[in-house]
Amino acid sequence: MPEERVADPGPLGLAGFAMTTFALSSWNAGIWHGAGLEAALALAFFYGGLAQLLAGMWEFVRKNTFAHWRLRLTVRSGLRSTR
């Protein structure tokens, strides 16, 4: 088996998804007030979206196609729902 040059990016993608879900759910539950929505959306776009996109590309480099498509489709469906 060839040497892996990229560490497992799965935890990065899952952490981006989990933190985004937690932030948006906290805002929906009314825990955050004031600028909570803006903070949740910024977190969703920059941490959640970017982390999942990069993790999906790194999964492709590792030849893990299931995780690659799972992470990439999650980002794609998130972008589609913002239109």
Protein backbone atom coordinates (compact mmCIF):
# COMPACT_ATOMS: atom_id res chain seq x y z
CA MET A 1 0.00 0.00 0.00
CA PRO A 2 1.45 3.41 -0.94
CA GLU A 3 2.33 5.91 1.74
CA GLU A 4 -0.48 8.30 2.65
CA ARG A 5 0.59 11.93 2.17
CA VAL A 6 -2.69 13.45 3.36
CA ALA A 7 -4.05 12.90 6.84
CA ASP A 8 -7.64 11.72 7.27
CA PRO A 9 -9.77 14.78 6.42
CA GLY A 10 -13.03 13.18 7.57
CA PRO A 11 -12.95 14.73 11.06
CA LEU A 12 -12.43 18.19 9.56
CA GLY A 13 -15.48 17.85 7.32
CA LEU A 14 -17.63 16.40 10.07
CA ALA A 15 -16.55 19.13 12.50
CA GLY A 16 -17.49 21.79 9.94
CA PHE A 17 -20.91 20.20 9.48
CA ALA A 18 -21.49 19.73 13.22
CA MET A 19 -20.46 23.26 14.22
CA THR A 20 -22.60 24.80 11.49
CA THR A 21 -25.59 22.69 12.49
CA PHE A 22 -25.09 23.57 16.16
CA ALA A 23 -24.82 27.30 15.46
CA LEU A 24 -27.90 27.45 13.23
CA SER A 25 -29.91 25.29 15.64
CA SER A 26 -28.91 27.54 18.54
CA TRP A 27 -30.17 30.56 16.63
CA ASN A 28 -33.41 28.77 15.72
CA ALA A 29 -33.94 27.84 19.38
CA GLY A 30 -33.58 31.48 20.41
CA ILE A 31 -30.38 30.99 22.41
CA TRP A 32 -28.50 33.64 20.40
CA HIS A 33 -29.92 37.14 20.31
CA GLY A 34 -28.93 40.24 18.39
CA ALA A 35 -26.24 39.42 15.86
CA GLY A 36 -26.61 35.67 16.33
CA LEU A 37 -27.94 35.05 12.85
CA GLU A 38 -25.05 36.90 11.22
CA ALA A 39 -22.54 34.98 13.32
CA ALA A 40 -24.21 31.65 12.49
CA LEU A 41 -24.26 32.41 8.77
CA ALA A 42 -20.63 33.54 8.76
CA LEU A 43 -19.68 30.34 10.56
CA ALA A 44 -21.74 28.30 8.10
CA PHE A 45 -20.20 29.86 5.02
CA PHE A 46 -16.58 30.08 6.05
CA TYR A 47 -16.02 27.25 8.48
CA GLY A 48 -18.70 24.79 7.49
CA GLY A 49 -18.63 25.26 3.74
CA LEU A 50 -14.92 25.74 3.24
CA ALA A 51 -13.92 22.96 5.63
CA GLN A 52 -16.27 20.49 3.97
CA LEU A 53 -15.15 21.49 0.49
CA LEU A 54 -11.48 21.07 1.35
CA ALA A 55 -12.12 17.81 3.19
CA GLY A 56 -14.01 16.48 0.17
CA MET A 57 -11.10 17.30 -2.13
CA TRP A 58 -8.61 15.69 0.26
CA GLU A 59 -10.78 12.56 0.47
CA PHE A 60 -10.55 12.34 -3.32
CA VAL A 61 -6.75 12.50 -3.08
CA ARG A 62 -6.90 9.62 -0.58
CA LYS A 63 -9.10 7.70 -3.07
CA ASN A 64 -12.00 7.56 -0.61
CA THR A 65 -14.76 8.27 -3.11
CA PHE A 66 -17.71 7.71 -0.75
CA ALA A 67 -16.53 10.36 1.70
CA HIS A 68 -15.54 12.62 -1.20
CA TRP A 69 -19.04 12.65 -2.66
CA ARG A 70 -20.73 12.82 0.75
CA LEU A 71 -18.80 15.95 1.73
CA ARG A 72 -19.02 17.59 -1.69
CA LEU A 73 -22.76 16.98 -2.02
CA THR A 74 -23.35 18.39 1.46
CA VAL A 75 -21.64 21.63 0.42
CA ARG A 76 -23.48 21.66 -2.88
CA SER A 77 -26.90 21.16 -1.29
CA GLY A 78 -26.10 23.92 1.20
CA LEU A 79 -25.24 26.30 -1.61
CA ARG A 80 -28.39 25.35 -3.48
CA SER A 81 -30.60 26.07 -0.46
CA THR A 82 -29.24 29.64 -0.14
CA ARG A 83 -30.64 30.70 -3.52
